[in-house]
């Protein structure tokens, strides 16, 4: 398996984990008590961190794949025959 494919799966897993953690935070752990204090768990920062990290890994991996694809398959303007 290619390195970029492994990084793609890691990015997708982190992105999915972040989304699940944010949904769990929203549905179960976020509430305001009678004194007006907002109570949150660690799901919010962990969800945001993994969502952002997964998006970054996906962006870098897809950019790497795009650039390596352009290097191996030059466009029609290449006249090096």
C-alpha atoms as a PDB file:
ATOM      1  CA  UNK A   1       0.000   0.000   0.000  1.00  0.00           C
ATOM      2  CA  UNK A   2       1.307   3.449  -0.895  1.00  0.00           C
ATOM      3  CA  UNK A   3       2.233   5.960   1.792  1.00  0.00           C
ATOM      4  CA  UNK A   4      -0.257   8.513   0.521  1.00  0.00           C
ATOM      5  CA  UNK A   5      -3.069   5.957   0.775  1.00  0.00           C
ATOM      6  CA  UNK A   6      -2.209   5.261   4.410  1.00  0.00           C
ATOM      7  CA  UNK A   7      -2.185   8.985   5.172  1.00  0.00           C
ATOM      8  CA  UNK A   8      -5.498   9.362   3.375  1.00  0.00           C
ATOM      9  CA  UNK A   9      -7.076   6.707   5.612  1.00  0.00           C
ATOM     10  CA  UNK A  10      -5.541   8.289   8.729  1.00  0.00           C
ATOM     11  CA  UNK A  11      -6.964  11.685   7.747  1.00  0.00           C
ATOM     12  CA  UNK A  12     -10.399  10.223   7.076  1.00  0.00           C
ATOM     13  CA  UNK A  13     -10.366   8.368  10.408  1.00  0.00           C
ATOM     14  CA  UNK A  14      -9.405  11.522  12.324  1.00  0.00           C
ATOM     15  CA  UNK A  15     -12.036  13.534  10.501  1.00  0.00           C
ATOM     16  CA  UNK A  16     -14.706  10.946  11.253  1.00  0.00           C
ATOM     17  CA  UNK A  17     -13.605  10.663  14.902  1.00  0.00           C
ATOM     18  CA  UNK A  18     -13.810  14.440  15.274  1.00  0.00           C
ATOM     19  CA  UNK A  19     -17.302  14.500  13.834  1.00  0.00           C
ATOM     20  CA  UNK A  20     -18.473  11.706  16.141  1.00  0.00           C
ATOM     21  CA  UNK A  21     -16.976  13.404  19.206  1.00  0.00           C
ATOM     22  CA  UNK A  22     -18.633  16.712  18.324  1.00  0.00           C
ATOM     23  CA  UNK A  23     -22.020  15.033  17.829  1.00  0.00           C
ATOM     24  CA  UNK A  24     -21.654  13.234  21.177  1.00  0.00           C
ATOM     25  CA  UNK A  25     -20.765  16.507  22.882  1.00  0.00           C
ATOM     26  CA  UNK A  26     -23.769  18.239  21.399  1.00  0.00           C
ATOM     27  CA  UNK A  27     -26.305  15.544  22.241  1.00  0.00           C
ATOM     28  CA  UNK A  28     -25.223  14.331  25.664  1.00  0.00           C
ATOM     29  CA  UNK A  29     -22.837  16.531  27.590  1.00  0.00           C
ATOM     30  CA  UNK A  30     -23.566  20.175  26.953  1.00  0.00           C
ATOM     31  CA  UNK A  31     -26.017  21.855  29.296  1.00  0.00           C
ATOM     32  CA  UNK A  32     -26.560  24.999  31.356  1.00  0.00           C
ATOM     33  CA  UNK A  33     -27.298  24.477  35.053  1.00  0.00           C
ATOM     34  CA  UNK A  34     -29.672  26.539  37.220  1.00  0.00           C
ATOM     35  CA  UNK A  35     -26.914  29.057  38.014  1.00  0.00           C
ATOM     36  CA  UNK A  36     -26.326  29.767  34.332  1.00  0.00           C
ATOM     37  CA  UNK A  37     -22.989  27.905  34.154  1.00  0.00           C
ATOM     38  CA  UNK A  38     -22.252  26.044  30.934  1.00  0.00           C
ATOM     39  CA  UNK A  39     -21.015  22.472  31.518  1.00  0.00           C
ATOM     40  CA  UNK A  40     -18.964  20.779  28.818  1.00  0.00           C
ATOM     41  CA  UNK A  41     -16.837  17.657  28.649  1.00  0.00           C
ATOM     42  CA  UNK A  42     -13.509  16.981  26.986  1.00  0.00           C
ATOM     43  CA  UNK A  43     -15.345  15.795  23.884  1.00  0.00           C
ATOM     44  CA  UNK A  44     -15.492  19.363  22.540  1.00  0.00           C
ATOM     45  CA  UNK A  45     -11.738  20.145  22.453  1.00  0.00           C
ATOM     46  CA  UNK A  46     -10.844  16.595  21.412  1.00  0.00           C
ATOM     47  CA  UNK A  47     -13.467  16.667  18.681  1.00  0.00           C
ATOM     48  CA  UNK A  48     -12.324  20.007  17.320  1.00  0.00           C
ATOM     49  CA  UNK A  49      -8.657  18.987  17.487  1.00  0.00           C
ATOM     50  CA  UNK A  50      -9.153  15.698  15.668  1.00  0.00           C
ATOM     51  CA  UNK A  51     -11.509  17.291  13.119  1.00  0.00           C
ATOM     52  CA  UNK A  52      -8.991  20.039  12.292  1.00  0.00           C
ATOM     53  CA  UNK A  53      -6.037  17.631  12.318  1.00  0.00           C
ATOM     54  CA  UNK A  54      -7.882  15.197  10.037  1.00  0.00           C
ATOM     55  CA  UNK A  55      -8.796  17.997   7.642  1.00  0.00           C
ATOM     56  CA  UNK A  56      -5.187  19.149   7.557  1.00  0.00           C
ATOM     57  CA  UNK A  57      -3.882  15.636   6.885  1.00  0.00           C
ATOM     58  CA  UNK A  58      -6.471  15.168   4.128  1.00  0.00           C
ATOM     59  CA  UNK A  59      -5.594  18.513   2.529  1.00  0.00           C
ATOM     60  CA  UNK A  60      -1.867  17.838   2.523  1.00  0.00           C
ATOM     61  CA  UNK A  61      -2.332  14.282   1.235  1.00  0.00           C
ATOM     62  CA  UNK A  62      -4.649  15.321  -1.587  1.00  0.00           C
ATOM     63  CA  UNK A  63      -2.325  18.190  -2.542  1.00  0.00           C
ATOM     64  CA  UNK A  64       0.628  15.765  -2.604  1.00  0.00           C
ATOM     65  CA  UNK A  65      -1.313  13.341  -4.800  1.00  0.00           C
ATOM     66  CA  UNK A  66      -2.332  16.123  -7.153  1.00  0.00           C
ATOM     67  CA  UNK A  67       1.206  17.451  -7.514  1.00  0.00           C
ATOM     68  CA  UNK A  68       2.717  13.993  -7.985  1.00  0.00           C
ATOM     69  CA  UNK A  69       0.048  13.205 -10.593  1.00  0.00           C
ATOM     70  CA  UNK A  70       0.885  16.406 -12.488  1.00  0.00           C
ATOM     71  CA  UNK A  71       4.603  15.511 -12.453  1.00  0.00           C
ATOM     72  CA  UNK A  72       4.066  12.021 -13.863  1.00  0.00           C
ATOM     73  CA  UNK A  73       1.463  13.059 -16.461  1.00  0.00           C
ATOM     74  CA  UNK A  74       2.473  16.398 -17.994  1.00  0.00           C
ATOM     75  CA  UNK A  75      -0.120  18.440 -19.807  1.00  0.00           C
ATOM     76  CA  UNK A  76      -0.456  19.003 -23.582  1.00  0.00           C
ATOM     77  CA  UNK A  77       1.852  22.057 -23.466  1.00  0.00           C
ATOM     78  CA  UNK A  78       4.866  19.795 -22.753  1.00  0.00           C
ATOM     79  CA  UNK A  79       6.859  19.523 -26.022  1.00  0.00           C
ATOM     80  CA  UNK A  80       9.829  17.491 -24.840  1.00  0.00           C
ATOM     81  CA  UNK A  81       9.435  14.754 -27.492  1.00  0.00           C
END
